[in-house]
């Protein structure tokens, strides 16, 4: 196993506890025009995906794929934000030959972009949006991916009640199959995870019980 560190300012490592099966192995840097590099990370097999979003300019919003060659992590592909994809890279997920990247201010509502790998290329396939999208939803603030299922959070939906959306399909045919909503100001969808047929959705502002 390898733990990869993506620092923001300092060249020094943060002191981490060491375990028998883990060691701090490497650290990655974005390009000179990237900001918030390491805001989101995902790893599956020999592929690592790192998000780098900007609150100021879409042109500085990117995502980076790294590949493990058996000895080193090699920067493989840089994905630039599509037109209008504000805060592209805010959330990322990779699973096999598919990846999804959240852009929380795209069209002032948010979107998630699906990419698929063919050979060594990552190709754009679909733009995911909510069926009830509204300004300020922050759709794409959290994303998760498993096989042909994509889970996207939107914690700003409906005056911060929040929501999460499930999309199914592959290639350009990826459509919303179900959704779920939080209660008053719960900010549901702030964190999401998926494994096989199970999903977990965080709602961090739900009143204590």
C-alpha atoms as a PDB file:
ATOM      1  CA  UNK A   1       0.000   0.000   0.000  1.00  0.00           C
ATOM      2  CA  UNK A   2       1.104   3.559  -0.632  1.00  0.00           C
ATOM      3  CA  UNK A   3      -0.045   6.794   0.972  1.00  0.00           C
ATOM      4  CA  UNK A   4       0.357   9.801  -1.275  1.00  0.00           C
ATOM      5  CA  UNK A   5       0.540  13.271   0.234  1.00  0.00           C
ATOM      6  CA  UNK A   6      -0.586  16.363  -1.683  1.00  0.00           C
ATOM      7  CA  UNK A   7       0.612  19.422   0.286  1.00  0.00           C
ATOM      8  CA  UNK A   8      -0.724  22.917  -0.404  1.00  0.00           C
ATOM      9  CA  UNK A   9       2.020  25.279   0.731  1.00  0.00           C
ATOM     10  CA  UNK A  10       4.920  23.600   2.497  1.00  0.00           C
ATOM     11  CA  UNK A  11       7.406  21.072   1.214  1.00  0.00           C
ATOM     12  CA  UNK A  12       7.459  19.374   4.596  1.00  0.00           C
ATOM     13  CA  UNK A  13       5.438  16.286   5.349  1.00  0.00           C
ATOM     14  CA  UNK A  14       2.780  16.272   8.008  1.00  0.00           C
ATOM     15  CA  UNK A  15       3.797  13.787  10.667  1.00  0.00           C
ATOM     16  CA  UNK A  16       1.620  10.722  10.284  1.00  0.00           C
ATOM     17  CA  UNK A  17       1.457   7.573  12.396  1.00  0.00           C
ATOM     18  CA  UNK A  18       3.140   4.613  10.740  1.00  0.00           C
ATOM     19  CA  UNK A  19       1.628   1.164  10.615  1.00  0.00           C
ATOM     20  CA  UNK A  20       3.089  -2.153   9.549  1.00  0.00           C
ATOM     21  CA  UNK A  21       1.468  -2.046   6.104  1.00  0.00           C
ATOM     22  CA  UNK A  22       1.704   1.686   5.386  1.00  0.00           C
ATOM     23  CA  UNK A  23       4.391   4.231   4.696  1.00  0.00           C
ATOM     24  CA  UNK A  24       4.475   7.758   3.369  1.00  0.00           C
ATOM     25  CA  UNK A  25       5.681   7.127  -0.150  1.00  0.00           C
ATOM     26  CA  UNK A  26       5.338  10.168  -2.365  1.00  0.00           C
ATOM     27  CA  UNK A  27       3.749  13.576  -2.780  1.00  0.00           C
ATOM     28  CA  UNK A  28       2.150  15.132  -5.812  1.00  0.00           C
ATOM     29  CA  UNK A  29       2.070  18.713  -7.051  1.00  0.00           C
ATOM     30  CA  UNK A  30      -0.283  20.419  -9.464  1.00  0.00           C
ATOM     31  CA  UNK A  31       0.822  22.593 -12.334  1.00  0.00           C
ATOM     32  CA  UNK A  32       1.735  26.231 -11.728  1.00  0.00           C
ATOM     33  CA  UNK A  33      -1.776  27.365 -12.707  1.00  0.00           C
ATOM     34  CA  UNK A  34      -3.599  24.925 -10.437  1.00  0.00           C
ATOM     35  CA  UNK A  35      -5.205  25.962  -7.159  1.00  0.00           C
ATOM     36  CA  UNK A  36      -6.550  23.934  -4.234  1.00  0.00           C
ATOM     37  CA  UNK A  37      -4.677  20.927  -5.615  1.00  0.00           C
ATOM     38  CA  UNK A  38      -5.606  17.929  -3.490  1.00  0.00           C
ATOM     39  CA  UNK A  39      -9.020  19.280  -2.473  1.00  0.00           C
ATOM     40  CA  UNK A  40     -10.424  15.919  -3.525  1.00  0.00           C
ATOM     41  CA  UNK A  41      -8.722  12.578  -4.098  1.00  0.00           C
ATOM     42  CA  UNK A  42      -9.706   9.086  -5.154  1.00  0.00           C
ATOM     43  CA  UNK A  43      -7.802   5.897  -5.856  1.00  0.00           C
ATOM     44  CA  UNK A  44      -8.707   2.580  -7.440  1.00  0.00           C
ATOM     45  CA  UNK A  45      -6.134  -0.055  -8.272  1.00  0.00           C
ATOM     46  CA  UNK A  46      -3.188   1.651  -9.969  1.00  0.00           C
ATOM     47  CA  UNK A  47      -5.078   4.860 -10.782  1.00  0.00           C
ATOM     48  CA  UNK A  48      -5.179   7.978  -8.613  1.00  0.00           C
ATOM     49  CA  UNK A  49      -7.402  10.968  -9.388  1.00  0.00           C
ATOM     50  CA  UNK A  50      -6.788  14.382  -7.789  1.00  0.00           C
ATOM     51  CA  UNK A  51      -9.057  17.412  -8.037  1.00  0.00           C
ATOM     52  CA  UNK A  52      -7.837  21.008  -8.253  1.00  0.00           C
ATOM     53  CA  UNK A  53     -10.594  23.602  -8.329  1.00  0.00           C
ATOM     54  CA  UNK A  54     -10.632  27.384  -8.404  1.00  0.00           C
ATOM     55  CA  UNK A  55     -13.311  29.687  -7.007  1.00  0.00           C
ATOM     56  CA  UNK A  56     -12.165  32.470  -9.335  1.00  0.00           C
ATOM     57  CA  UNK A  57     -11.585  31.081 -12.815  1.00  0.00           C
ATOM     58  CA  UNK A  58     -12.893  27.991 -14.596  1.00  0.00           C
ATOM     59  CA  UNK A  59      -9.649  27.937 -16.587  1.00  0.00           C
ATOM     60  CA  UNK A  60      -7.806  27.023 -13.371  1.00  0.00           C
ATOM     61  CA  UNK A  61     -10.119  24.114 -12.562  1.00  0.00           C
ATOM     62  CA  UNK A  62      -8.517  20.772 -13.364  1.00  0.00           C
ATOM     63  CA  UNK A  63      -8.241  17.130 -12.420  1.00  0.00           C
ATOM     64  CA  UNK A  64      -5.164  14.933 -12.683  1.00  0.00           C
ATOM     65  CA  UNK A  65      -4.828  11.210 -13.264  1.00  0.00           C
ATOM     66  CA  UNK A  66      -1.718   9.438 -12.001  1.00  0.00           C
ATOM     67  CA  UNK A  67      -0.748   5.860 -12.820  1.00  0.00           C
ATOM     68  CA  UNK A  68       1.427   3.497 -10.788  1.00  0.00           C
ATOM     69  CA  UNK A  69       3.990   1.877 -13.087  1.00  0.00           C
ATOM     70  CA  UNK A  70       5.231  -0.616 -10.525  1.00  0.00           C
ATOM     71  CA  UNK A  71       7.904   1.705  -9.192  1.00  0.00           C
ATOM     72  CA  UNK A  72       6.613   5.281  -9.322  1.00  0.00           C
ATOM     73  CA  UNK A  73       3.441   7.318  -9.620  1.00  0.00           C
ATOM     74  CA  UNK A  74       3.472   8.946 -13.058  1.00  0.00           C
ATOM     75  CA  UNK A  75       1.331  11.949 -13.993  1.00  0.00           C
ATOM     76  CA  UNK A  76      -0.730  10.514 -16.813  1.00  0.00           C
ATOM     77  CA  UNK A  77      -3.507  12.885 -17.889  1.00  0.00           C
ATOM     78  CA  UNK A  78      -4.696  16.392 -17.010  1.00  0.00           C
ATOM     79  CA  UNK A  79      -8.393  17.089 -17.533  1.00  0.00           C
ATOM     80  CA  UNK A  80      -9.349  20.745 -17.915  1.00  0.00           C
ATOM     81  CA  UNK A  81     -12.786  21.937 -16.903  1.00  0.00           C
ATOM     82  CA  UNK A  82     -15.421  22.048 -19.640  1.00  0.00           C
ATOM     83  CA  UNK A  83     -16.837  25.462 -20.449  1.00  0.00           C
ATOM     84  CA  UNK A  84     -18.922  26.811 -17.596  1.00  0.00           C
ATOM     85  CA  UNK A  85     -17.935  24.046 -15.176  1.00  0.00           C
ATOM     86  CA  UNK A  86     -17.331  26.236 -12.136  1.00  0.00           C
ATOM     87  CA  UNK A  87     -15.354  24.627  -9.307  1.00  0.00           C
ATOM     88  CA  UNK A  88     -14.649  21.576 -11.458  1.00  0.00           C
ATOM     89  CA  UNK A  89     -12.555  19.206  -9.344  1.00  0.00           C
ATOM     90  CA  UNK A  90     -14.288  20.002  -6.048  1.00  0.00           C
ATOM     91  CA  UNK A  91     -15.095  16.298  -5.717  1.00  0.00           C
ATOM     92  CA  UNK A  92     -13.722  13.299  -7.620  1.00  0.00           C
ATOM     93  CA  UNK A  93     -14.166   9.552  -7.809  1.00  0.00           C
ATOM     94  CA  UNK A  94     -12.547   6.866  -9.936  1.00  0.00           C
ATOM     95  CA  UNK A  95     -13.538   3.222 -10.342  1.00  0.00           C
ATOM     96  CA  UNK A  96     -11.968   0.998 -12.961  1.00  0.00           C
ATOM     97  CA  UNK A  97     -12.146   2.769 -16.302  1.00  0.00           C
ATOM     98  CA  UNK A  98     -14.709   5.363 -15.175  1.00  0.00           C
ATOM     99  CA  UNK A  99     -14.344   8.637 -13.320  1.00  0.00           C
ATOM    100  CA  UNK A 100     -16.736  11.332 -12.163  1.00  0.00           C
ATOM    101  CA  UNK A 101     -15.768  14.923 -11.329  1.00  0.00           C
ATOM    102  CA  UNK A 102     -17.998  17.395  -9.506  1.00  0.00           C
ATOM    103  CA  UNK A 103     -18.318  21.062 -10.465  1.00  0.00           C
ATOM    104  CA  UNK A 104     -20.407  22.714  -7.776  1.00  0.00           C
ATOM    105  CA  UNK A 105     -21.139  26.043  -9.475  1.00  0.00           C
ATOM    106  CA  UNK A 106     -21.655  24.872 -13.055  1.00  0.00           C
ATOM    107  CA  UNK A 107     -24.658  26.801 -14.393  1.00  0.00           C
ATOM    108  CA  UNK A 108     -24.994  28.181 -10.828  1.00  0.00           C
ATOM    109  CA  UNK A 109     -26.540  24.849  -9.838  1.00  0.00           C
ATOM    110  CA  UNK A 110     -23.771  22.294 -10.095  1.00  0.00           C
ATOM    111  CA  UNK A 111     -23.004  19.332 -12.315  1.00  0.00           C
ATOM    112  CA  UNK A 112     -20.954  16.153 -12.388  1.00  0.00           C
ATOM    113  CA  UNK A 113     -18.943  15.068 -15.416  1.00  0.00           C
ATOM    114  CA  UNK A 114     -18.370  11.437 -16.366  1.00  0.00           C
ATOM    115  CA  UNK A 115     -15.205  10.264 -18.118  1.00  0.00           C
ATOM    116  CA  UNK A 116     -14.267   6.822 -19.378  1.00  0.00           C
ATOM    117  CA  UNK A 117     -10.838   5.431 -20.205  1.00  0.00           C
ATOM    118  CA  UNK A 118     -10.031   3.902 -23.554  1.00  0.00           C
ATOM    119  CA  UNK A 119      -6.426   2.800 -23.777  1.00  0.00           C
ATOM    120  CA  UNK A 120      -4.451   5.657 -22.236  1.00  0.00           C
ATOM    121  CA  UNK A 121      -7.062   8.341 -22.906  1.00  0.00           C
ATOM    122  CA  UNK A 122      -9.784   9.612 -20.578  1.00  0.00           C
ATOM    123  CA  UNK A 123     -12.738  10.721 -22.699  1.00  0.00           C
ATOM    124  CA  UNK A 124     -15.676  12.898 -21.692  1.00  0.00           C
ATOM    125  CA  UNK A 125     -18.961  10.983 -21.795  1.00  0.00           C
ATOM    126  CA  UNK A 126     -21.745  12.731 -19.923  1.00  0.00           C
ATOM    127  CA  UNK A 127     -22.760  15.761 -17.887  1.00  0.00           C
ATOM    128  CA  UNK A 128     -25.003  14.838 -14.956  1.00  0.00           C
ATOM    129  CA  UNK A 129     -27.472  17.321 -13.483  1.00  0.00           C
ATOM    130  CA  UNK A 130     -30.355  16.995 -11.041  1.00  0.00           C
ATOM    131  CA  UNK A 131     -33.905  16.636 -12.336  1.00  0.00           C
ATOM    132  CA  UNK A 132     -34.993  19.389  -9.931  1.00  0.00           C
ATOM    133  CA  UNK A 133     -31.851  21.535 -10.237  1.00  0.00           C
ATOM    134  CA  UNK A 134     -31.999  25.012  -8.752  1.00  0.00           C
ATOM    135  CA  UNK A 135     -29.537  27.814  -8.158  1.00  0.00           C
ATOM    136  CA  UNK A 136     -27.340  27.238  -5.111  1.00  0.00           C
ATOM    137  CA  UNK A 137     -27.824  23.460  -4.944  1.00  0.00           C
ATOM    138  CA  UNK A 138     -24.051  22.817  -4.842  1.00  0.00           C
ATOM    139  CA  UNK A 139     -24.737  19.653  -6.845  1.00  0.00           C
ATOM    140  CA  UNK A 140     -21.450  17.775  -7.248  1.00  0.00           C
ATOM    141  CA  UNK A 141     -20.093  18.662  -3.795  1.00  0.00           C
ATOM    142  CA  UNK A 142     -19.603  14.934  -3.201  1.00  0.00           C
ATOM    143  CA  UNK A 143     -19.437  12.086  -5.707  1.00  0.00           C
ATOM    144  CA  UNK A 144     -19.051   8.320  -5.538  1.00  0.00           C
ATOM    145  CA  UNK A 145     -18.815   5.657  -8.203  1.00  0.00           C
ATOM    146  CA  UNK A 146     -19.280   1.899  -8.392  1.00  0.00           C
ATOM    147  CA  UNK A 147     -19.514  -0.001 -11.661  1.00  0.00           C
ATOM    148  CA  UNK A 148     -22.321   1.713 -13.618  1.00  0.00           C
ATOM    149  CA  UNK A 149     -23.757   3.607 -10.637  1.00  0.00           C
ATOM    150  CA  UNK A 150     -22.907   7.225  -9.794  1.00  0.00           C
ATOM    151  CA  UNK A 151     -23.975   8.912  -6.538  1.00  0.00           C
ATOM    152  CA  UNK A 152     -23.936  12.712  -6.359  1.00  0.00           C
ATOM    153  CA  UNK A 153     -24.610  14.963  -3.364  1.00  0.00           C
ATOM    154  CA  UNK A 154     -26.160  18.443  -3.400  1.00  0.00           C
ATOM    155  CA  UNK A 155     -26.154  19.754   0.150  1.00  0.00           C
ATOM    156  CA  UNK A 156     -27.549  23.185  -0.808  1.00  0.00           C
ATOM    157  CA  UNK A 157     -30.725  21.812  -2.379  1.00  0.00           C
ATOM    158  CA  UNK A 158     -34.053  23.183  -1.121  1.00  0.00           C
ATOM    159  CA  UNK A 159     -32.680  25.774   1.289  1.00  0.00           C
ATOM    160  CA  UNK A 160     -29.936  23.466   2.625  1.00  0.00           C
ATOM    161  CA  UNK A 161     -32.173  20.501   3.333  1.00  0.00           C
ATOM    162  CA  UNK A 162     -29.861  18.777   0.894  1.00  0.00           C
ATOM    163  CA  UNK A 163     -30.273  15.820  -1.396  1.00  0.00           C
ATOM    164  CA  UNK A 164     -28.482  12.983  -3.160  1.00  0.00           C
ATOM    165  CA  UNK A 165     -29.042  11.528  -6.611  1.00  0.00           C
ATOM    166  CA  UNK A 166     -28.354   8.108  -8.096  1.00  0.00           C
ATOM    167  CA  UNK A 167     -27.491   7.820 -11.774  1.00  0.00           C
ATOM    168  CA  UNK A 168     -27.150   4.540 -13.639  1.00  0.00           C
ATOM    169  CA  UNK A 169     -25.807   3.628 -17.053  1.00  0.00           C
ATOM    170  CA  UNK A 170     -22.568   3.799 -18.992  1.00  0.00           C
ATOM    171  CA  UNK A 171     -21.055   5.802 -21.790  1.00  0.00           C
ATOM    172  CA  UNK A 172     -23.273   8.682 -22.841  1.00  0.00           C
ATOM    173  CA  UNK A 173     -26.355   6.886 -21.451  1.00  0.00           C
ATOM    174  CA  UNK A 174     -26.212   7.752 -17.767  1.00  0.00           C
ATOM    175  CA  UNK A 175     -29.524   8.933 -16.320  1.00  0.00           C
ATOM    176  CA  UNK A 176     -31.020   9.736 -12.930  1.00  0.00           C
ATOM    177  CA  UNK A 177     -32.743   6.707 -11.445  1.00  0.00           C
ATOM    178  CA  UNK A 178     -33.671   7.894  -7.959  1.00  0.00           C
ATOM    179  CA  UNK A 179     -33.128  10.690  -5.473  1.00  0.00           C
ATOM    180  CA  UNK A 180     -33.467  11.313  -1.747  1.00  0.00           C
ATOM    181  CA  UNK A 181     -33.937  14.430   0.339  1.00  0.00           C
ATOM    182  CA  UNK A 182     -32.905  15.662   3.752  1.00  0.00           C
ATOM    183  CA  UNK A 183     -34.879  17.460   6.439  1.00  0.00           C
ATOM    184  CA  UNK A 184     -34.705  21.128   7.385  1.00  0.00           C
ATOM    185  CA  UNK A 185     -31.135  22.465   7.117  1.00  0.00           C
ATOM    186  CA  UNK A 186     -29.617  18.967   7.379  1.00  0.00           C
ATOM    187  CA  UNK A 187     -27.306  19.564   4.386  1.00  0.00           C
ATOM    188  CA  UNK A 188     -27.816  16.021   3.240  1.00  0.00           C
ATOM    189  CA  UNK A 189     -25.422  15.022   0.481  1.00  0.00           C
ATOM    190  CA  UNK A 190     -22.361  16.731   1.938  1.00  0.00           C
ATOM    191  CA  UNK A 191     -20.619  13.346   1.844  1.00  0.00           C
ATOM    192  CA  UNK A 192     -21.542  10.232  -0.118  1.00  0.00           C
ATOM    193  CA  UNK A 193     -20.206   6.703  -0.538  1.00  0.00           C
ATOM    194  CA  UNK A 194     -21.253   3.635  -2.472  1.00  0.00           C
ATOM    195  CA  UNK A 195     -20.308  -0.040  -2.395  1.00  0.00           C
ATOM    196  CA  UNK A 196     -22.123  -2.634  -4.481  1.00  0.00           C
ATOM    197  CA  UNK A 197     -25.844  -2.159  -3.732  1.00  0.00           C
ATOM    198  CA  UNK A 198     -25.320  -0.042  -0.606  1.00  0.00           C
ATOM    199  CA  UNK A 199     -25.059   3.744  -0.401  1.00  0.00           C
ATOM    200  CA  UNK A 200     -24.311   6.093   2.498  1.00  0.00           C
ATOM    201  CA  UNK A 201     -25.210   9.785   2.495  1.00  0.00           C
ATOM    202  CA  UNK A 202     -24.026  12.233   5.133  1.00  0.00           C
ATOM    203  CA  UNK A 203     -26.245  14.983   6.574  1.00  0.00           C
ATOM    204  CA  UNK A 204     -23.917  16.845   8.955  1.00  0.00           C
ATOM    205  CA  UNK A 205     -26.369  19.536  10.100  1.00  0.00           C
ATOM    206  CA  UNK A 206     -29.173  17.188  11.136  1.00  0.00           C
ATOM    207  CA  UNK A 207     -30.244  18.037  14.721  1.00  0.00           C
ATOM    208  CA  UNK A 208     -28.807  15.680  17.347  1.00  0.00           C
ATOM    209  CA  UNK A 209     -31.052  12.908  18.561  1.00  0.00           C
END
